PDB file of N, CA and C in Angstrom:
ATOM      1  N   MET A   1     -12.438  -5.470 -15.445  1.00  0.00           N
ATOM      2  CA  MET A   1     -12.631  -5.412 -14.018  1.00  0.00           C
ATOM      3  C   MET A   1     -12.933  -4.036 -13.282  1.00  0.00           C
ATOM      4  N   LYS A   2     -13.548  -3.829 -12.378  1.00  0.00           N
ATOM      5  CA  LYS A   2     -14.144  -2.911 -11.643  1.00  0.00           C
ATOM      6  C   LYS A   2     -13.239  -2.208 -10.635  1.00  0.00           C
ATOM      7  N   LYS A   3     -12.873  -1.074 -10.600  1.00  0.00           N
ATOM      8  CA  LYS A   3     -12.151  -0.239  -9.715  1.00  0.00           C
ATOM      9  C   LYS A   3     -13.057  -0.022  -8.599  1.00  0.00           C
ATOM     10  N   ARG A   4     -12.693  -0.577  -7.269  1.00  0.00           N
ATOM     11  CA  ARG A   4     -13.724  -0.292  -6.248  1.00  0.00           C
ATOM     12  C   ARG A   4     -12.607  -0.044  -4.815  1.00  0.00           C
ATOM     13  N   PRO A   5     -13.292   0.972  -4.144  1.00  0.00           N
ATOM     14  CA  PRO A   5     -12.115   1.181  -3.075  1.00  0.00           C
ATOM     15  C   PRO A   5     -12.179  -0.037  -2.045  1.00  0.00           C
ATOM     16  N   ILE A   6     -11.131  -0.095  -1.404  1.00  0.00           N
ATOM     17  CA  ILE A   6     -11.094  -0.901  -0.306  1.00  0.00           C
ATOM     18  C   ILE A   6     -11.059  -0.165   1.020  1.00  0.00           C
ATOM     19  N   GLY A   7     -11.459  -0.706   1.988  1.00  0.00           N
ATOM     20  CA  GLY A   7     -11.417  -0.353   3.318  1.00  0.00           C
ATOM     21  C   GLY A   7     -12.013   0.963   3.532  1.00  0.00           C
ATOM     22  N   GLN A   8     -13.620   0.851   3.342  1.00  0.00           N
ATOM     23  CA  GLN A   8     -14.212   1.948   3.683  1.00  0.00           C
ATOM     24  C   GLN A   8     -14.793   1.553   5.402  1.00  0.00           C
ATOM     25  N   GLY A   9     -14.389   2.735   5.987  1.00  0.00           N
ATOM     26  CA  GLY A   9     -14.504   2.166   7.561  1.00  0.00           C
ATOM     27  C   GLY A   9     -15.871   2.986   7.973  1.00  0.00           C
ATOM     28  N   SER A  10     -15.815   3.268   9.381  1.00  0.00           N
ATOM     29  CA  SER A  10     -17.113   4.009   9.904  1.00  0.00           C
ATOM     30  C   SER A  10     -17.246   5.558   9.235  1.00  0.00           C
ATOM     31  N   LYS A  11     -18.593   5.910   9.048  1.00  0.00           N
ATOM     32  CA  LYS A  11     -18.810   7.444   8.569  1.00  0.00           C
ATOM     33  C   LYS A  11     -18.544   8.032   9.601  1.00  0.00           C
ATOM     34  N   ILE A  12     -18.561   8.095  10.900  1.00  0.00           N
ATOM     35  CA  ILE A  12     -18.381   8.903  12.115  1.00  0.00           C
ATOM     36  C   ILE A  12     -16.898   9.342  12.204  1.00  0.00           C
ATOM     37  N   LYS A  13     -16.270   7.972  12.197  1.00  0.00           N
ATOM     38  CA  LYS A  13     -14.710   8.210  12.081  1.00  0.00           C
ATOM     39  C   LYS A  13     -14.050   8.829  11.246  1.00  0.00           C
ATOM     40  N   GLY A  14     -14.909   8.510   9.729  1.00  0.00           N
ATOM     41  CA  GLY A  14     -14.422   9.152   8.417  1.00  0.00           C
ATOM     42  C   GLY A  14     -14.754  10.477   8.430  1.00  0.00           C
ATOM     43  N   ALA A  15     -15.940  11.198   9.213  1.00  0.00           N
ATOM     44  CA  ALA A  15     -16.200  12.272   9.448  1.00  0.00           C
ATOM     45  C   ALA A  15     -15.129  12.989  10.359  1.00  0.00           C
ATOM     46  N   LEU A  16     -14.448  12.500  11.425  1.00  0.00           N
ATOM     47  CA  LEU A  16     -13.546  13.017  12.356  1.00  0.00           C
ATOM     48  C   LEU A  16     -12.236  13.294  11.169  1.00  0.00           C
ATOM     49  N   CYS A  17     -11.762  12.173  10.526  1.00  0.00           N
ATOM     50  CA  CYS A  17     -10.494  12.180   9.717  1.00  0.00           C
ATOM     51  C   CYS A  17     -10.911  13.186   8.736  1.00  0.00           C
ATOM     52  N   ALA A  18     -12.131  13.737   8.269  1.00  0.00           N
ATOM     53  CA  ALA A  18     -11.888  14.849   7.202  1.00  0.00           C
ATOM     54  C   ALA A  18     -11.948  15.886   7.952  1.00  0.00           C
ATOM     55  N   VAL A  19     -12.227  16.364   9.486  1.00  0.00           N
ATOM     56  CA  VAL A  19     -11.997  17.362   9.916  1.00  0.00           C
ATOM     57  C   VAL A  19     -10.441  17.487  10.297  1.00  0.00           C
ATOM     58  N   LEU A  20      -9.856  16.401  11.134  1.00  0.00           N
ATOM     59  CA  LEU A  20      -8.362  16.521  11.672  1.00  0.00           C
ATOM     60  C   LEU A  20      -7.527  15.910  10.787  1.00  0.00           C
ATOM     61  N   GLY A  21      -7.734  15.315   9.607  1.00  0.00           N
ATOM     62  CA  GLY A  21      -6.898  14.497   8.794  1.00  0.00           C
ATOM     63  C   GLY A  21      -6.599  13.147   9.338  1.00  0.00           C
ATOM     64  N   HIS A  22      -6.235  12.384   8.133  1.00  0.00           N
ATOM     65  CA  HIS A  22      -5.972  10.951   8.597  1.00  0.00           C
ATOM     66  C   HIS A  22      -4.694  10.707   9.511  1.00  0.00           C
ATOM     67  N   GLU A  23      -4.725   9.391  10.104  1.00  0.00           N
ATOM     68  CA  GLU A  23      -3.356   9.101  10.799  1.00  0.00           C
ATOM     69  C   GLU A  23      -2.882   7.737  10.111  1.00  0.00           C
ATOM     70  N   TYR A  24      -2.143   7.897   9.167  1.00  0.00           N
ATOM     71  CA  TYR A  24      -1.891   6.492   8.216  1.00  0.00           C
ATOM     72  C   TYR A  24      -0.700   6.054   9.055  1.00  0.00           C
ATOM     73  N   LYS A  25      -0.666   4.546   8.882  1.00  0.00           N
ATOM     74  CA  LYS A  25       0.432   3.966   9.296  1.00  0.00           C
ATOM     75  C   LYS A  25       0.752   3.084   8.026  1.00  0.00           C
ATOM     76  N   VAL A  26       1.895   2.311   7.845  1.00  0.00           N
ATOM     77  CA  VAL A  26       2.038   1.273   6.918  1.00  0.00           C
ATOM     78  C   VAL A  26       1.716   0.125   7.140  1.00  0.00           C
ATOM     79  N   SER A  27       0.801  -0.412   6.319  1.00  0.00           N
ATOM     80  CA  SER A  27       0.151  -1.834   6.530  1.00  0.00           C
ATOM     81  C   SER A  27       0.835  -2.727   6.007  1.00  0.00           C
ATOM     82  N   ARG A  28       1.521  -2.448   4.898  1.00  0.00           N
ATOM     83  CA  ARG A  28       2.351  -3.529   3.959  1.00  0.00           C
ATOM     84  C   ARG A  28       3.550  -2.986   2.900  1.00  0.00           C
ATOM     85  N   GLU A  29       4.577  -3.372   3.083  1.00  0.00           N
ATOM     86  CA  GLU A  29       5.554  -3.167   2.265  1.00  0.00           C
ATOM     87  C   GLU A  29       5.785  -3.837   1.246  1.00  0.00           C
ATOM     88  N   ILE A  30       5.585  -3.273  -0.245  1.00  0.00           N
ATOM     89  CA  ILE A  30       5.522  -3.736  -1.486  1.00  0.00           C
ATOM     90  C   ILE A  30       7.377  -3.929  -1.874  1.00  0.00           C
ATOM     91  N   THR A  31       7.733  -2.713  -1.891  1.00  0.00           N
ATOM     92  CA  THR A  31       9.391  -2.817  -2.145  1.00  0.00           C
ATOM     93  C   THR A  31      10.033  -1.883  -1.099  1.00  0.00           C
ATOM     94  N   ASP A  32      11.343  -1.445  -1.304  1.00  0.00           N
ATOM     95  CA  ASP A  32      11.776  -0.356  -0.558  1.00  0.00           C
ATOM     96  C   ASP A  32      11.183   0.953  -0.669  1.00  0.00           C
ATOM     97  N   HIS A  33      10.533   1.077  -1.657  1.00  0.00           N
ATOM     98  CA  HIS A  33      10.148   2.453  -1.750  1.00  0.00           C
ATOM     99  C   HIS A  33       8.709   2.504  -2.029  1.00  0.00           C
ATOM    100  N   ILE A  34       7.907   1.513  -2.054  1.00  0.00           N
ATOM    101  CA  ILE A  34       6.363   1.372  -2.488  1.00  0.00           C
ATOM    102  C   ILE A  34       5.822   0.966  -1.092  1.00  0.00           C
ATOM    103  N   LYS A  35       4.852   1.498  -0.510  1.00  0.00           N
ATOM    104  CA  LYS A  35       4.251   1.092   0.547  1.00  0.00           C
ATOM    105  C   LYS A  35       2.765   1.275   0.717  1.00  0.00           C
ATOM    106  N   GLU A  36       1.718   0.352   1.156  1.00  0.00           N
ATOM    107  CA  GLU A  36       0.536   0.643   1.447  1.00  0.00           C
ATOM    108  C   GLU A  36       0.231   1.330   2.834  1.00  0.00           C
ATOM    109  N   TYR A  37      -0.468   1.996   2.951  1.00  0.00           N
ATOM    110  CA  TYR A  37      -0.906   2.762   4.275  1.00  0.00           C
ATOM    111  C   TYR A  37      -2.401   2.561   4.379  1.00  0.00           C
ATOM    112  N   THR A  38      -2.508   2.241   5.962  1.00  0.00           N
ATOM    113  CA  THR A  38      -4.072   2.339   6.526  1.00  0.00           C
ATOM    114  C   THR A  38      -4.340   3.239   7.614  1.00  0.00           C
ATOM    115  N   CYS A  39      -5.502   4.190   7.425  1.00  0.00           N
ATOM    116  CA  CYS A  39      -5.670   5.075   8.305  1.00  0.00           C
ATOM    117  C   CYS A  39      -6.182   4.343   9.497  1.00  0.00           C
ATOM    118  N   MET A  40      -5.508   4.741  10.673  1.00  0.00           N
ATOM    119  CA  MET A  40      -5.784   3.983  12.263  1.00  0.00           C
ATOM    120  C   MET A  40      -7.270   4.106  12.441  1.00  0.00           C
ATOM    121  N   HIS A  41      -8.009   5.299  12.127  1.00  0.00           N
ATOM    122  CA  HIS A  41      -9.237   5.350  12.736  1.00  0.00           C
ATOM    123  C   HIS A  41     -10.374   4.770  11.557  1.00  0.00           C
ATOM    124  N   CYS A  42     -10.457   5.422  10.406  1.00  0.00           N
ATOM    125  CA  CYS A  42     -11.301   5.006   9.344  1.00  0.00           C
ATOM    126  C   CYS A  42     -11.261   3.850   8.676  1.00  0.00           C
ATOM    127  N   GLN A  43      -9.963   3.118   8.757  1.00  0.00           N
ATOM    128  CA  GLN A  43      -9.260   2.005   7.937  1.00  0.00           C
ATOM    129  C   GLN A  43      -9.379   2.278   6.382  1.00  0.00           C
ATOM    130  N   LYS A  44      -9.352   3.606   6.230  1.00  0.00           N
ATOM    131  CA  LYS A  44      -9.081   3.876   4.633  1.00  0.00           C
ATOM    132  C   LYS A  44      -7.919   3.520   4.045  1.00  0.00           C
ATOM    133  N   GLN A  45      -7.741   2.593   3.073  1.00  0.00           N
ATOM    134  CA  GLN A  45      -6.592   2.184   2.442  1.00  0.00           C
ATOM    135  C   GLN A  45      -6.105   2.922   1.329  1.00  0.00           C
ATOM    136  N   VAL A  46      -4.841   3.598   1.298  1.00  0.00           N
ATOM    137  CA  VAL A  46      -4.086   4.399   0.168  1.00  0.00           C
ATOM    138  C   VAL A  46      -2.809   3.694  -0.298  1.00  0.00           C
ATOM    139  N   CYS A  47      -2.325   4.122  -1.367  1.00  0.00           N
ATOM    140  CA  CYS A  47      -0.849   3.596  -1.660  1.00  0.00           C
ATOM    141  C   CYS A  47      -0.322   5.021  -2.432  1.00  0.00           C
ATOM    142  N   ALA A  48       1.051   4.886  -2.448  1.00  0.00           N
ATOM    143  CA  ALA A  48       1.906   6.091  -3.202  1.00  0.00           C
ATOM    144  C   ALA A  48       1.530   5.778  -4.453  1.00  0.00           C
ATOM    145  N   ASP A  49       1.499   6.750  -5.388  1.00  0.00           N
ATOM    146  CA  ASP A  49       1.395   6.831  -6.905  1.00  0.00           C
ATOM    147  C   ASP A  49       2.939   6.901  -7.453  1.00  0.00           C
ATOM    148  N   VAL A  50       3.067   6.999  -8.768  1.00  0.00           N
ATOM    149  CA  VAL A  50       4.413   7.127  -9.300  1.00  0.00           C
ATOM    150  C   VAL A  50       4.974   8.650  -8.949  1.00  0.00           C
ATOM    151  N   ASN A  51       4.029   9.784  -8.603  1.00  0.00           N
ATOM    152  CA  ASN A  51       4.500  11.178  -8.102  1.00  0.00           C
ATOM    153  C   ASN A  51       4.864  11.093  -6.585  1.00  0.00           C
ATOM    154  N   GLY A  52       4.445   9.963  -5.935  1.00  0.00           N
ATOM    155  CA  GLY A  52       4.557  10.244  -4.828  1.00  0.00           C
ATOM    156  C   GLY A  52       3.258  10.474  -3.808  1.00  0.00           C
ATOM    157  N   GLN A  53       2.143  10.791  -4.477  1.00  0.00           N
ATOM    158  CA  GLN A  53       1.173  11.162  -4.058  1.00  0.00           C
ATOM    159  C   GLN A  53       0.213  10.211  -3.531  1.00  0.00           C
ATOM    160  N   LEU A  54      -0.423  10.255  -2.453  1.00  0.00           N
ATOM    161  CA  LEU A  54      -1.341   9.040  -1.803  1.00  0.00           C
ATOM    162  C   LEU A  54      -2.754   8.911  -2.720  1.00  0.00           C
ATOM    163  N   THR A  55      -3.034   7.709  -3.180  1.00  0.00           N
ATOM    164  CA  THR A  55      -4.301   7.559  -4.100  1.00  0.00           C
ATOM    165  C   THR A  55      -4.901   6.420  -3.288  1.00  0.00           C
ATOM    166  N   GLN A  56      -6.332   6.266  -3.534  1.00  0.00           N
ATOM    167  CA  GLN A  56      -7.183   5.129  -2.828  1.00  0.00           C
ATOM    168  C   GLN A  56      -6.908   4.105  -3.492  1.00  0.00           C
ATOM    169  N   LEU A  57      -6.589   3.021  -2.635  1.00  0.00           N
ATOM    170  CA  LEU A  57      -6.318   1.549  -3.104  1.00  0.00           C
ATOM    171  C   LEU A  57      -7.347   0.953  -3.639  1.00  0.00           C
ATOM    172  N   THR A  58      -7.322   0.430  -4.802  1.00  0.00           N
ATOM    173  CA  THR A  58      -8.534  -0.139  -5.655  1.00  0.00           C
ATOM    174  C   THR A  58      -7.984  -1.792  -5.844  1.00  0.00           C
ATOM    175  N   SER A  59      -8.977  -2.576  -5.963  1.00  0.00           N
ATOM    176  CA  SER A  59      -8.771  -4.230  -6.125  1.00  0.00           C
ATOM    177  C   SER A  59      -7.605  -4.194  -7.572  1.00  0.00           C
ATOM    178  N   GLU A  60      -7.647  -3.433  -8.204  1.00  0.00           N
ATOM    179  CA  GLU A  60      -6.666  -3.272  -9.594  1.00  0.00           C
ATOM    180  C   GLU A  60      -5.080  -3.020  -8.813  1.00  0.00           C
ATOM    181  N   LYS A  61      -5.214  -1.990  -8.021  1.00  0.00           N
ATOM    182  CA  LYS A  61      -3.950  -1.592  -7.591  1.00  0.00           C
ATOM    183  C   LYS A  61      -3.453  -2.700  -6.480  1.00  0.00           C
ATOM    184  N   ILE A  62      -4.369  -3.353  -6.012  1.00  0.00           N
ATOM    185  CA  ILE A  62      -3.948  -4.323  -4.829  1.00  0.00           C
ATOM    186  C   ILE A  62      -3.138  -5.744  -5.693  1.00  0.00           C
ATOM    187  N   GLU A  63      -3.719  -5.678  -6.908  1.00  0.00           N
ATOM    188  CA  GLU A  63      -3.511  -6.988  -7.680  1.00  0.00           C
ATOM    189  C   GLU A  63      -1.830  -6.512  -8.130  1.00  0.00           C
ATOM    190  N   ILE A  64      -1.931  -5.359  -8.822  1.00  0.00           N
ATOM    191  CA  ILE A  64      -0.527  -4.876  -9.338  1.00  0.00           C
ATOM    192  C   ILE A  64       0.407  -4.947  -8.280  1.00  0.00           C
ATOM    193  N   ASN A  65       0.289  -4.378  -7.089  1.00  0.00           N
ATOM    194  CA  ASN A  65       1.244  -4.312  -5.707  1.00  0.00           C
ATOM    195  C   ASN A  65       1.474  -5.920  -5.459  1.00  0.00           C
ATOM    196  N   ASN A  66       0.602  -6.863  -5.621  1.00  0.00           N
ATOM    197  CA  ASN A  66       1.016  -8.076  -5.095  1.00  0.00           C
ATOM    198  C   ASN A  66       1.929  -8.716  -6.413  1.00  0.00           C
ATOM    199  N   THR A  67       1.841  -8.395  -7.726  1.00  0.00           N
ATOM    200  CA  THR A  67       2.683  -9.137  -8.739  1.00  0.00           C
ATOM    201  C   THR A  67       3.893  -8.359  -8.627  1.00  0.00           C
ATOM    202  N   LEU A  68       4.138  -6.901  -8.102  1.00  0.00           N
ATOM    203  CA  LEU A  68       5.217  -6.321  -7.982  1.00  0.00           C
ATOM    204  C   LEU A  68       5.851  -6.676  -6.732  1.00  0.00           C
ATOM    205  N   ARG A  69       5.264  -7.040  -5.612  1.00  0.00           N
ATOM    206  CA  ARG A  69       5.959  -7.342  -4.445  1.00  0.00           C
ATOM    207  C   ARG A  69       6.802  -9.066  -4.760  1.00  0.00           C
ATOM    208  N   ALA A  70       5.680  -9.828  -5.582  1.00  0.00           N
ATOM    209  CA  ALA A  70       6.455 -11.115  -5.861  1.00  0.00           C
ATOM    210  C   ALA A  70       7.825 -10.810  -6.755  1.00  0.00           C
ATOM    211  N   ILE A  71       7.777 -10.089  -7.700  1.00  0.00           N
ATOM    212  CA  ILE A  71       9.007  -9.963  -8.416  1.00  0.00           C
ATOM    213  C   ILE A  71      10.220  -9.350  -7.695  1.00  0.00           C
ATOM    214  N   HIS A  72       9.652  -8.391  -6.888  1.00  0.00           N
ATOM    215  CA  HIS A  72      11.112  -7.711  -6.221  1.00  0.00           C
ATOM    216  C   HIS A  72      11.566  -8.556  -4.961  1.00  0.00           C
ATOM    217  N   PHE A  73      10.667  -9.392  -4.408  1.00  0.00           N
ATOM    218  CA  PHE A  73      11.274 -10.586  -3.394  1.00  0.00           C
ATOM    219  C   PHE A  73      12.035 -11.666  -4.245  1.00  0.00           C
ATOM    220  N   LYS A  74      11.523 -11.871  -5.333  1.00  0.00           N
ATOM    221  CA  LYS A  74      12.228 -12.911  -6.118  1.00  0.00           C
ATOM    222  C   LYS A  74      13.575 -12.444  -6.518  1.00  0.00           C
ATOM    223  N   ARG A  75      13.909 -11.024  -7.181  1.00  0.00           N
ATOM    224  CA  ARG A  75      14.936 -10.887  -7.330  1.00  0.00           C
ATOM    225  C   ARG A  75      16.010 -10.333  -5.977  1.00  0.00           C
ATOM    226  N   LYS A  76      15.170 -10.203  -4.884  1.00  0.00           N
ATOM    227  CA  LYS A  76      16.039  -9.606  -4.017  1.00  0.00           C
ATOM    228  C   LYS A  76      16.779 -10.934  -3.275  1.00  0.00           C
ATOM    229  N   SER A  77      15.988 -12.002  -3.465  1.00  0.00           N
ATOM    230  CA  SER A  77      16.449 -13.299  -2.833  1.00  0.00           C
ATOM    231  C   SER A  77      17.624 -13.899  -3.771  1.00  0.00           C
ATOM    232  N   ARG A  78      17.470 -13.775  -5.216  1.00  0.00           N
ATOM    233  CA  ARG A  78      18.350 -13.974  -6.186  1.00  0.00           C
ATOM    234  C   ARG A  78      19.888 -13.190  -5.928  1.00  0.00           C
ATOM    235  N   ARG A  79      19.688 -11.811  -5.752  1.00  0.00           N
ATOM    236  CA  ARG A  79      20.703 -10.889  -5.177  1.00  0.00           C
ATOM    237  C   ARG A  79      21.520 -11.586  -4.180  1.00  0.00           C
ATOM    238  N   GLN A  80      20.905 -11.937  -3.002  1.00  0.00           N
ATOM    239  CA  GLN A  80      21.596 -12.102  -1.747  1.00  0.00           C
ATOM    240  C   GLN A  80      21.862 -13.820  -1.982  1.00  0.00           C
ATOM    241  N   SER A  81      21.396 -14.349  -2.901  1.00  0.00           N
ATOM    242  CA  SER A  81      22.196 -16.004  -2.514  1.00  0.00           C
ATOM    243  C   SER A  81      23.194 -15.707  -3.621  1.00  0.00           C
ATOM    244  N   SER A  82      23.337 -14.943  -4.656  1.00  0.00           N
ATOM    245  CA  SER A  82      24.549 -14.435  -5.694  1.00  0.00           C
ATOM    246  C   SER A  82      25.732 -13.863  -4.674  1.00  0.00           C
ATOM    247  N   ALA A  83      25.322 -13.196  -3.664  1.00  0.00           N
ATOM    248  CA  ALA A  83      26.259 -12.207  -2.957  1.00  0.00           C
ATOM    249  C   ALA A  83      27.099 -13.304  -2.036  1.00  0.00           C
ATOM    250  N   GLU A  84      26.463 -14.555  -1.688  1.00  0.00           N
ATOM    251  CA  GLU A  84      27.088 -15.379  -0.931  1.00  0.00           C
ATOM    252  C   GLU A  84      28.568 -15.942  -1.506  1.00  0.00           C
ATOM    253  N   PHE A  85      28.497 -15.899  -2.867  1.00  0.00           N
ATOM    254  CA  PHE A  85      29.390 -16.748  -3.329  1.00  0.00           C
ATOM    255  C   PHE A  85      30.735 -15.808  -3.568  1.00  0.00           C
ATOM    256  N   TYR A  86      30.756 -14.534  -3.471  1.00  0.00           N
ATOM    257  CA  TYR A  86      31.716 -13.566  -3.132  1.00  0.00           C
ATOM    258  C   TYR A  86      32.585 -13.434  -2.165  1.00  0.00           C
TER     259      TYR A  86
END
């Protein structure tokens, strides 16, 4: 599988972000601690790696995040249903 960057926005807005910096907002919450971010201006998508550094979001990382999210919410719903019995 090829790693390709996702969310390449306008080059002019990208130059503006290069000068002033990106303005990221949370685009998707994977778990309580892992989130995907999107720049509001150039649409660049990033996610936090294991060290907390923002890295570019690739199709491989999107697949990993989708799987992780499914596992997380399955466990979270199982915990909530078992807590109802106590």
